[in-house]
Amino acid sequence: MEYENKLVLAPMVRVGTLPFRLLAADYGADITYAEEIIDHKIIKCERIVNDYIRSTDFVEKGTDNVVFRTCNEEKGRVVFQMGTSDAVRALKAAQLVCKDVAAVDINMGCPKSFSVSGGMGAALLTKPDLIHDILTTLRRNIDTPVTCKIRLLKSSQDTVELARRIEKTGVSALAVHGRQVADRPRDPAKWNEIADVVSALTIPVIANGDVFEYDDIQRIKVATGASSVMVARGALWNASIFSPNVKAHWEDVKKEYVRKSILWDNDVKSTKHTLKEMIMHYSCLEFPEGKAIIKSQNLVDLAKVYGDEEYYESVRANRIALDRHA
């Protein structure tokens, strides 16, 4: 997979599932990161081809819990992002999914206590030897491209030194979130420190932080020198941010997301979470739409909220017909 001059959907927990990734791709995202999945979780899964919806599912053994779902339509651009703190375990997890994804990424930037307390995410930033061990182990044992995503360290020099060490492991690209671990989302991203990393490396650097409109994509490119840009909240609020054309209305984007969730039988809790995040940015959950989403128990209920019962039934009927034909 190529990483130069790409628009990238950032990994977002409970958001970056198959329907949202495909939605972002429809609007112009070249590379789409899945939500972070912990190595312990994926190695408990078995790979199952889901003929009913034409997907490839990684299902937790002994349950119906789909931990990761992908499909042929995204095979050339989906990145499996992993949370890990152990090279051997990371390899075992990567070997399970690597044939079905375009790349494997190691999360080294998540500041949340769940990740950090388990030695994952941002906790890795202070363990360069472990970073080297994980990345080199993956690089030597799988053919799929390996990348990682980091945050800024306390000084730009420290970040550059870590980035250089990461580059030496042979990774295909490095994504840099322009905030430190202690920074909050409201704190401005330090594009100038991403620029320091870009100028120090020869591999592609993907710049991430404070991209909320399509025009911001060019602004961060100019400010950092990075040719590729990663978008998180800007894409969550309106996935058409990736489109160079007129920005789609968020109501239309939201309804298209619901349709994709129905088409790919997305987990209703994940769909509701994403819809609530979209609504809270523009409106309020106390309005009738928000209350109806909160009360929804399944995808049929969500289809009714958006007047898409007919679409839901057509998808269901088509699946039954294909199943009978098979």
Protein backbone atom coordinates (compact mmCIF):
# COMPACT_ATOMS: atom_id res chain seq x y z
CA MET A 1 0.00 0.00 0.00
CA GLU A 2 1.21 3.50 -0.83
CA TYR A 3 1.22 6.18 1.86
CA GLU A 4 2.19 9.29 -0.09
CA ASN A 5 -0.46 11.96 -0.74
CA LYS A 6 -3.29 10.07 0.97
CA LEU A 7 -6.37 11.11 2.93
CA VAL A 8 -6.71 8.85 5.95
CA LEU A 9 -9.56 8.06 8.32
CA ALA A 10 -8.15 7.92 11.85
CA PRO A 11 -8.79 4.97 14.19
CA MET A 12 -11.72 5.77 16.49
CA VAL A 13 -12.98 3.34 19.13
CA ARG A 14 -16.61 2.23 18.58
CA VAL A 15 -16.77 4.41 15.45
CA GLY A 16 -14.29 2.91 12.99
CA THR A 17 -16.36 -0.16 12.16
CA LEU A 18 -17.02 -1.40 8.62
CA PRO A 19 -19.98 0.86 7.71
CA PHE A 20 -18.23 4.04 8.83
CA ARG A 21 -15.02 3.05 7.05
CA LEU A 22 -16.93 2.45 3.83
CA LEU A 23 -18.79 5.74 4.30
CA ALA A 24 -15.49 7.64 4.60
CA ALA A 25 -14.11 5.81 1.56
CA ASP A 26 -17.18 6.77 -0.49
CA TYR A 27 -16.42 10.42 0.27
CA GLY A 28 -12.77 10.15 -0.69
CA ALA A 29 -10.73 8.59 2.14
CA ASP A 30 -7.88 6.60 0.56
CA ILE A 31 -6.93 4.68 3.70
CA THR A 32 -9.32 3.77 6.52
CA TYR A 33 -8.15 2.67 9.96
CA ALA A 34 -10.35 0.32 11.93
CA GLU A 35 -11.00 0.99 15.60
CA GLU A 36 -8.20 -0.19 17.88
CA ILE A 37 -8.56 -3.85 18.86
CA ILE A 38 -6.53 -5.33 21.70
CA ASP A 39 -4.27 -8.29 20.82
CA HIS A 40 -5.76 -10.40 23.67
CA LYS A 41 -9.19 -9.93 22.08
CA ILE A 42 -8.35 -10.82 18.49
CA ILE A 43 -6.36 -13.95 19.33
CA LYS A 44 -9.48 -15.37 20.96
CA CYS A 45 -11.27 -15.13 17.61
CA GLU A 46 -11.79 -17.42 14.67
CA ARG A 47 -12.04 -16.22 11.07
CA ILE A 48 -15.45 -16.88 9.57
CA VAL A 49 -16.64 -16.07 6.05
CA ASN A 50 -20.13 -14.60 6.47
CA ASP A 51 -21.99 -15.57 3.29
CA TYR A 52 -25.17 -13.92 4.55
CA ILE A 53 -23.79 -10.38 4.25
CA ARG A 54 -20.68 -11.13 2.17
CA SER A 55 -18.19 -10.17 4.87
CA THR A 56 -15.20 -11.70 6.63
CA ASP A 57 -15.77 -11.82 10.37
CA PHE A 58 -13.42 -12.43 13.27
CA VAL A 59 -15.72 -13.84 15.91
CA GLU A 60 -14.87 -14.50 19.54
CA LYS A 61 -14.84 -18.28 19.98
CA GLY A 62 -17.88 -19.69 21.71
CA THR A 63 -19.90 -16.50 21.16
CA ASP A 64 -21.64 -14.50 18.42
CA ASN A 65 -19.47 -11.48 19.22
CA VAL A 66 -17.96 -10.03 16.02
CA VAL A 67 -14.72 -8.38 17.11
CA PHE A 68 -13.62 -7.29 13.62
CA ARG A 69 -15.55 -7.28 10.35
CA THR A 70 -14.20 -6.46 6.90
CA CYS A 71 -15.12 -7.11 3.27
CA ASN A 72 -13.59 -7.34 -0.20
CA GLU A 73 -14.61 -3.76 -1.03
CA GLU A 74 -12.10 -2.35 1.45
CA LYS A 75 -9.33 -4.94 1.28
CA GLY A 76 -6.85 -2.60 -0.41
CA ARG A 77 -7.22 0.25 2.08
CA VAL A 78 -8.29 -0.98 5.53
CA VAL A 79 -5.70 -0.83 8.32
CA PHE A 80 -6.06 -3.10 11.33
CA GLN A 81 -4.97 -1.13 14.37
CA MET A 82 -3.81 -3.15 17.33
CA GLY A 83 -3.29 -2.40 20.98
CA THR A 84 -0.41 -4.45 22.34
CA SER A 85 2.44 -4.52 24.84
CA ASP A 86 4.10 -7.75 23.77
CA ALA A 87 5.88 -8.66 20.53
CA VAL A 88 4.99 -12.36 20.50
CA ARG A 89 1.32 -11.71 21.22
CA ALA A 90 1.23 -8.90 18.64
CA LEU A 91 2.59 -11.27 16.01
CA LYS A 92 0.05 -13.95 16.84
CA ALA A 93 -2.75 -11.39 16.46
CA ALA A 94 -1.32 -9.91 13.27
CA GLN A 95 -0.95 -13.32 11.63
CA LEU A 96 -4.64 -13.96 12.18
CA VAL A 97 -5.81 -10.88 10.25
CA CYS A 98 -2.95 -9.87 7.95
CA LYS A 99 -4.25 -11.64 4.83
CA ASP A 100 -7.53 -9.73 5.02
CA VAL A 101 -6.22 -6.19 5.53
CA ALA A 102 -3.97 -3.73 3.72
CA ALA A 103 -1.73 -3.00 6.73
CA VAL A 104 -1.28 -3.60 10.45
CA ASP A 105 -0.78 -0.57 12.72
CA ILE A 106 0.41 -0.49 16.32
CA ASN A 107 -1.31 2.06 18.54
CA MET A 108 1.30 4.06 20.46
CA GLY A 109 -0.77 7.17 21.07
CA CYS A 110 -3.92 6.33 23.01
CA PRO A 111 -3.75 8.20 26.35
CA LYS A 112 -6.76 6.50 27.95
CA SER A 113 -6.19 4.68 31.23
CA PHE A 114 -7.37 1.33 29.86
CA SER A 115 -4.57 1.30 27.29
CA VAL A 116 -1.86 2.90 29.41
CA SER A 117 -2.52 0.73 32.48
CA GLY A 118 -2.08 -2.34 30.29
CA GLY A 119 1.25 -1.07 28.96
CA MET A 120 -0.33 -0.30 25.58
CA GLY A 121 -1.03 2.88 23.62
CA ALA A 122 0.85 5.92 24.88
CA ALA A 123 2.61 3.79 27.53
CA LEU A 124 4.84 2.48 24.73
CA LEU A 125 6.22 5.96 24.04
CA THR A 126 8.53 5.65 27.04
CA LYS A 127 9.68 2.14 26.05
CA PRO A 128 11.70 2.47 22.83
CA ASP A 129 13.26 -0.99 23.20
CA LEU A 130 9.82 -2.60 23.41
CA ILE A 131 8.65 -0.53 20.43
CA HIS A 132 11.65 -1.81 18.46
CA ASP A 133 10.93 -5.39 19.51
CA ILE A 134 7.26 -5.27 18.51
CA LEU A 135 7.79 -3.57 15.16
CA THR A 136 10.79 -5.63 14.07
CA THR A 137 9.05 -8.87 15.07
CA LEU A 138 6.07 -7.96 12.90
CA ARG A 139 8.21 -6.75 10.00
CA ARG A 140 10.25 -9.98 9.90
CA ASN A 141 7.31 -12.34 10.09
CA ILE A 142 4.43 -10.93 8.03
CA ASP A 143 4.38 -9.64 4.45
CA THR A 144 1.66 -7.07 5.16
CA PRO A 145 2.91 -3.47 5.65
CA VAL A 146 3.44 -2.46 9.28
CA THR A 147 2.95 1.09 10.59
CA CYS A 148 2.42 2.82 13.92
CA LYS A 149 0.78 5.93 15.31
CA ILE A 150 2.41 8.04 18.01
CA ARG A 151 1.86 11.25 19.96
CA LEU A 152 4.34 14.02 20.61
CA LEU A 153 6.81 13.61 23.47
CA LYS A 154 7.78 16.33 25.93
CA SER A 155 10.22 17.92 23.50
CA SER A 156 10.37 17.98 19.75
CA GLN A 157 13.87 16.53 19.89
CA ASP A 158 12.60 13.53 21.88
CA THR A 159 9.83 12.95 19.35
CA VAL A 160 12.27 13.11 16.44
CA GLU A 161 14.67 10.67 18.12
CA LEU A 162 11.86 8.17 18.72
CA ALA A 163 10.56 8.61 15.17
CA ARG A 164 14.03 7.92 13.76
CA ARG A 165 14.29 4.76 15.82
CA ILE A 166 10.86 3.66 14.58
CA GLU A 167 11.89 4.34 10.98
CA LYS A 168 14.89 2.01 11.40
CA THR A 169 12.57 -0.92 12.15
CA GLY A 170 11.42 -0.81 8.52
CA VAL A 171 7.84 0.39 9.01
CA SER A 172 6.09 1.66 5.90
CA ALA A 173 4.78 4.91 7.43
CA LEU A 174 4.37 6.78 10.70
CA ALA A 175 1.27 8.69 11.81
CA VAL A 176 1.91 11.55 14.24
CA HIS A 177 -0.84 13.09 16.37
CA GLY A 178 0.23 16.64 17.11
CA ARG A 179 -0.56 16.52 20.82
CA GLN A 180 1.21 15.20 23.89
CA VAL A 181 -0.33 12.55 26.12
CA ALA A 182 -1.45 15.10 28.71
CA ASP A 183 -3.06 17.39 26.12
CA ARG A 184 -6.82 17.47 25.78
CA PRO A 185 -8.73 17.56 22.49
CA ARG A 186 -9.42 21.28 22.99
CA ASP A 187 -5.70 22.03 23.14
CA PRO A 188 -4.36 23.13 19.74
CA ALA A 189 -2.35 20.54 17.83
CA LYS A 190 1.32 21.45 17.42
CA TRP A 191 1.72 21.23 13.66
CA ASN A 192 5.25 22.67 13.90
CA GLU A 193 6.42 19.64 15.89
CA ILE A 194 4.93 17.29 13.31
CA ALA A 195 6.98 19.26 10.76
CA ASP A 196 10.15 18.46 12.71
CA VAL A 197 9.39 14.74 12.37
CA VAL A 198 8.60 15.05 8.66
CA SER A 199 11.91 16.78 7.95
CA ALA A 200 13.86 14.14 9.90
CA LEU A 201 12.45 11.04 8.20
CA THR A 202 12.47 9.54 4.73
CA ILE A 203 9.36 7.35 5.16
CA PRO A 204 5.90 8.94 4.74
CA VAL A 205 4.60 10.77 7.80
CA ILE A 206 0.83 11.07 8.22
CA ALA A 207 -0.09 14.32 9.98
CA ASN A 208 -2.99 14.20 12.46
CA GLY A 209 -4.66 16.87 14.57
CA ASP A 210 -7.16 19.76 14.16
CA VAL A 211 -8.44 18.92 10.68
CA PHE A 212 -12.11 19.88 10.78
CA GLU A 213 -12.79 21.20 7.26
CA TYR A 214 -11.55 20.20 3.82
CA ASP A 215 -9.45 23.39 3.64
CA ASP A 216 -7.61 22.29 6.80
CA ILE A 217 -6.17 19.38 4.83
CA GLN A 218 -4.13 21.70 2.64
CA ARG A 219 -3.25 23.91 5.61
CA ILE A 220 -1.74 21.06 7.64
CA LYS A 221 0.13 19.81 4.56
CA VAL A 222 1.74 23.21 4.09
CA ALA A 223 2.47 23.65 7.81
CA THR A 224 4.00 20.21 8.34
CA GLY A 225 5.40 19.20 4.95
CA ALA A 226 3.50 15.90 5.26
CA SER A 227 1.85 14.75 2.07
CA SER A 228 -0.71 12.56 3.85
CA VAL A 229 -3.30 13.70 6.38
CA MET A 230 -5.30 11.78 8.98
CA VAL A 231 -8.72 12.98 10.14
CA ALA A 232 -10.58 11.92 13.31
CA ARG A 233 -13.29 14.17 14.80
CA GLY A 234 -13.74 16.13 11.57
CA ALA A 235 -14.65 12.87 9.84
CA LEU A 236 -16.86 11.68 12.68
CA TRP A 237 -18.93 14.86 12.53
CA ASN A 238 -19.18 14.80 8.73
CA ALA A 239 -17.45 12.10 6.69
CA SER A 240 -17.74 14.21 3.54
CA ILE A 241 -14.74 16.18 4.84
CA PHE A 242 -12.69 13.95 2.53
CA SER A 243 -14.51 15.21 -0.55
CA PRO A 244 -13.06 18.11 -2.56
CA ASN A 245 -16.60 18.86 -3.73
CA VAL A 246 -19.22 20.79 -1.79
CA LYS A 247 -19.52 19.41 1.74
CA ALA A 248 -22.59 17.19 2.12
CA HIS A 249 -25.16 18.15 4.71
CA TRP A 250 -24.58 16.27 7.93
CA GLU A 251 -28.18 15.01 7.92
CA ASP A 252 -27.59 13.28 4.57
CA VAL A 253 -24.27 11.82 5.75
CA LYS A 254 -25.92 10.53 8.91
CA LYS A 255 -28.71 8.80 6.97
CA GLU A 256 -26.21 7.19 4.62
CA TYR A 257 -24.33 5.88 7.65
CA VAL A 258 -27.55 4.30 8.96
CA ARG A 259 -28.10 2.60 5.60
CA LYS A 260 -24.56 1.21 5.58
CA SER A 261 -25.04 -0.02 9.14
CA ILE A 262 -28.16 -1.87 8.00
CA LEU A 263 -26.44 -3.24 4.90
CA TRP A 264 -23.47 -4.58 6.88
CA ASP A 265 -25.46 -5.66 9.94
CA ASN A 266 -23.43 -3.44 12.24
CA ASP A 267 -23.64 -3.84 16.01
CA VAL A 268 -26.53 -1.65 17.12
CA LYS A 269 -24.62 -0.28 20.14
CA SER A 270 -21.78 0.85 17.88
CA THR A 271 -24.23 2.43 15.43
CA LYS A 272 -26.07 4.26 18.21
CA HIS A 273 -22.80 5.52 19.70
CA THR A 274 -21.68 6.98 16.37
CA LEU A 275 -25.07 8.56 15.67
CA LYS A 276 -25.11 10.17 19.13
CA GLU A 277 -21.62 11.60 18.55
CA MET A 278 -22.77 13.07 15.23
CA ILE A 279 -25.92 14.55 16.75
CA MET A 280 -24.23 16.05 19.81
CA HIS A 281 -21.88 18.07 17.60
CA TYR A 282 -24.71 19.74 15.71
CA SER A 283 -27.76 19.41 17.91
CA CYS A 284 -28.91 17.82 21.17
CA LEU A 285 -29.87 14.33 22.32
CA GLU A 286 -32.84 15.78 24.20
CA PHE A 287 -34.68 16.42 20.94
CA PRO A 288 -37.02 13.68 19.59
CA GLU A 289 -34.40 12.21 17.25
CA GLY A 290 -31.87 11.74 20.05
CA LYS A 291 -34.43 10.21 22.40
CA ALA A 292 -35.59 7.81 19.68
CA ILE A 293 -32.01 6.65 19.05
CA ILE A 294 -31.40 6.07 22.75
CA LYS A 295 -34.57 3.93 22.94
CA SER A 296 -33.74 1.91 19.81
CA GLN A 297 -33.02 -1.73 20.56
CA ASN A 298 -31.98 -2.91 17.09
CA LEU A 299 -31.32 -1.81 13.51
CA VAL A 300 -35.03 -2.09 12.67
CA ASP A 301 -35.77 0.56 15.29
CA LEU A 302 -33.07 2.83 13.86
CA ALA A 303 -34.46 2.33 10.35
CA LYS A 304 -37.84 3.55 11.64
CA VAL A 305 -36.26 6.65 13.20
CA TYR A 306 -34.96 7.69 9.80
CA GLY A 307 -37.94 6.50 7.72
CA ASP A 308 -35.90 3.74 6.15
CA GLU A 309 -38.08 0.71 6.94
CA GLU A 310 -38.49 0.03 3.23
CA TYR A 311 -34.72 -0.01 2.73
CA TYR A 312 -34.28 -2.35 5.71
CA GLU A 313 -36.87 -4.76 4.30
CA SER A 314 -35.33 -4.65 0.81
CA VAL A 315 -31.89 -5.55 2.23
CA ARG A 316 -33.41 -8.37 4.24
CA ALA A 317 -35.38 -9.70 1.25
CA ASN A 318 -32.31 -9.56 -0.97
CA ARG A 319 -30.28 -11.57 1.53
CA ILE A 320 -32.97 -14.22 1.80
CA ALA A 321 -33.15 -14.48 -2.00
CA LEU A 322 -29.37 -14.81 -2.31
CA ASP A 323 -29.33 -17.40 0.46
CA ARG A 324 -31.98 -19.49 -1.31
CA HIS A 325 -30.14 -19.19 -4.62
CA ALA A 326 -26.90 -20.33 -3.00
